[in-house]
Amino acid sequence: MQIVQVTDDAESAIDQLCSRAPGLTPDDVVEVPYALIGTADAIAEKLERCRSRWGISYFVVRDRQQFEPVIAQLR
């Protein structure tokens, strides 16, 4: 994963990311499989959608500690 941010304020985090990347829209961030921004529940749901849509079942994150709440949701 290129971007992982567990947060209760996904909208602000997505807006900040879009402001740094010309042409990137909030809809793009929500749909792409390499950006995970939102609550642990929302990220877990997105990972399930990625598995269903693209068959992606393995993900690599840089900060396992931050990702722990998502792992707990997926168990």
C-alpha atoms as a PDB file:
ATOM      1  CA  MET A   1       0.000   0.000   0.000  1.00  0.00           C
ATOM      2  CA  GLN A   2       1.311   3.405  -0.910  1.00  0.00           C
ATOM      3  CA  ILE A   3      -0.942   5.367   1.428  1.00  0.00           C
ATOM      4  CA  VAL A   4      -2.425   4.106   4.683  1.00  0.00           C
ATOM      5  CA  GLN A   5      -4.096   6.466   7.104  1.00  0.00           C
ATOM      6  CA  VAL A   6      -6.443   5.167   9.779  1.00  0.00           C
ATOM      7  CA  THR A   7      -8.558   8.187  10.703  1.00  0.00           C
ATOM      8  CA  ASP A   8     -12.056   9.248  11.665  1.00  0.00           C
ATOM      9  CA  ASP A   9     -11.758  12.203   9.258  1.00  0.00           C
ATOM     10  CA  ALA A  10     -11.211  10.531   5.908  1.00  0.00           C
ATOM     11  CA  GLU A  11     -12.659  13.433   3.957  1.00  0.00           C
ATOM     12  CA  SER A  12      -9.995  15.861   5.215  1.00  0.00           C
ATOM     13  CA  ALA A  13      -7.194  13.340   4.689  1.00  0.00           C
ATOM     14  CA  ILE A  14      -8.367  12.649   1.138  1.00  0.00           C
ATOM     15  CA  ASP A  15      -8.671  16.359   0.388  1.00  0.00           C
ATOM     16  CA  GLN A  16      -5.096  16.928   1.635  1.00  0.00           C
ATOM     17  CA  LEU A  17      -3.806  14.114  -0.566  1.00  0.00           C
ATOM     18  CA  CYS A  18      -5.649  15.485  -3.612  1.00  0.00           C
ATOM     19  CA  SER A  19      -4.213  18.952  -3.021  1.00  0.00           C
ATOM     20  CA  ARG A  20      -0.690  17.466  -3.322  1.00  0.00           C
ATOM     21  CA  ALA A  21      -1.391  15.470  -6.488  1.00  0.00           C
ATOM     22  CA  PRO A  22      -2.730  17.490  -9.439  1.00  0.00           C
ATOM     23  CA  GLY A  23      -5.497  15.660 -11.255  1.00  0.00           C
ATOM     24  CA  LEU A  24      -6.242  13.272  -8.402  1.00  0.00           C
ATOM     25  CA  THR A  25      -9.863  13.391  -7.305  1.00  0.00           C
ATOM     26  CA  PRO A  26     -11.475  12.158  -4.084  1.00  0.00           C
ATOM     27  CA  ASP A  27     -13.323   9.533  -6.137  1.00  0.00           C
ATOM     28  CA  ASP A  28      -9.973   8.273  -7.462  1.00  0.00           C
ATOM     29  CA  VAL A  29      -8.646   7.878  -3.919  1.00  0.00           C
ATOM     30  CA  VAL A  30     -11.734   5.985  -2.827  1.00  0.00           C
ATOM     31  CA  GLU A  31     -11.529   3.561  -5.761  1.00  0.00           C
ATOM     32  CA  VAL A  32      -7.814   2.841  -6.224  1.00  0.00           C
ATOM     33  CA  PRO A  33      -6.517  -0.243  -4.424  1.00  0.00           C
ATOM     34  CA  TYR A  34      -3.237   1.337  -3.268  1.00  0.00           C
ATOM     35  CA  ALA A  35      -4.669   4.080  -1.016  1.00  0.00           C
ATOM     36  CA  LEU A  36      -6.367   3.198   2.256  1.00  0.00           C
ATOM     37  CA  ILE A  37      -7.791   6.154   4.147  1.00  0.00           C
ATOM     38  CA  GLY A  38     -10.590   5.996   6.695  1.00  0.00           C
ATOM     39  CA  THR A  39     -11.695   4.188   9.809  1.00  0.00           C
ATOM     40  CA  ALA A  40     -10.511   0.654  10.464  1.00  0.00           C
ATOM     41  CA  ASP A  41     -13.978  -0.595   9.486  1.00  0.00           C
ATOM     42  CA  ALA A  42     -13.998   1.378   6.221  1.00  0.00           C
ATOM     43  CA  ILE A  43     -10.495   0.215   5.283  1.00  0.00           C
ATOM     44  CA  ALA A  44     -11.370  -3.416   6.037  1.00  0.00           C
ATOM     45  CA  GLU A  45     -14.445  -3.091   3.800  1.00  0.00           C
ATOM     46  CA  LYS A  46     -12.321  -1.587   1.012  1.00  0.00           C
ATOM     47  CA  LEU A  47      -9.838  -4.465   1.248  1.00  0.00           C
ATOM     48  CA  GLU A  48     -12.723  -6.927   0.946  1.00  0.00           C
ATOM     49  CA  ARG A  49     -13.953  -5.031  -2.144  1.00  0.00           C
ATOM     50  CA  CYS A  50     -10.443  -5.154  -3.649  1.00  0.00           C
ATOM     51  CA  ARG A  51     -10.374  -8.902  -3.138  1.00  0.00           C
ATOM     52  CA  SER A  52     -13.781  -9.336  -4.752  1.00  0.00           C
ATOM     53  CA  ARG A  53     -13.158  -6.928  -7.643  1.00  0.00           C
ATOM     54  CA  TRP A  54      -9.510  -7.567  -8.543  1.00  0.00           C
ATOM     55  CA  GLY A  55      -8.618 -10.765  -6.698  1.00  0.00           C
ATOM     56  CA  ILE A  56      -6.046  -8.977  -4.559  1.00  0.00           C
ATOM     57  CA  SER A  57      -5.634 -10.918  -1.339  1.00  0.00           C
ATOM     58  CA  TYR A  58      -2.164  -9.869  -0.132  1.00  0.00           C
ATOM     59  CA  PHE A  59      -1.333  -6.350   0.964  1.00  0.00           C
ATOM     60  CA  VAL A  60       1.926  -4.893   2.251  1.00  0.00           C
ATOM     61  CA  VAL A  61       1.879  -1.933   4.623  1.00  0.00           C
ATOM     62  CA  ARG A  62       4.805   0.014   6.031  1.00  0.00           C
ATOM     63  CA  ASP A  63       3.454   0.547   9.545  1.00  0.00           C
ATOM     64  CA  ARG A  64       1.970  -2.629  10.988  1.00  0.00           C
ATOM     65  CA  GLN A  65       1.231  -0.986  14.331  1.00  0.00           C
ATOM     66  CA  GLN A  66      -0.986   1.643  12.708  1.00  0.00           C
ATOM     67  CA  PHE A  67      -2.655  -1.106  10.667  1.00  0.00           C
ATOM     68  CA  GLU A  68      -3.459  -3.364  13.652  1.00  0.00           C
ATOM     69  CA  PRO A  69      -7.065  -2.120  14.022  1.00  0.00           C
ATOM     70  CA  VAL A  70      -7.715  -3.048  10.389  1.00  0.00           C
ATOM     71  CA  ILE A  71      -6.184  -6.497  10.852  1.00  0.00           C
ATOM     72  CA  ALA A  72      -8.441  -6.999  13.865  1.00  0.00           C
ATOM     73  CA  GLN A  73     -11.489  -6.125  11.726  1.00  0.00           C
ATOM     74  CA  LEU A  74     -10.483  -8.595   9.028  1.00  0.00           C
ATOM     75  CA  ARG A  75     -10.096 -11.516  11.429  1.00  0.00           C
END
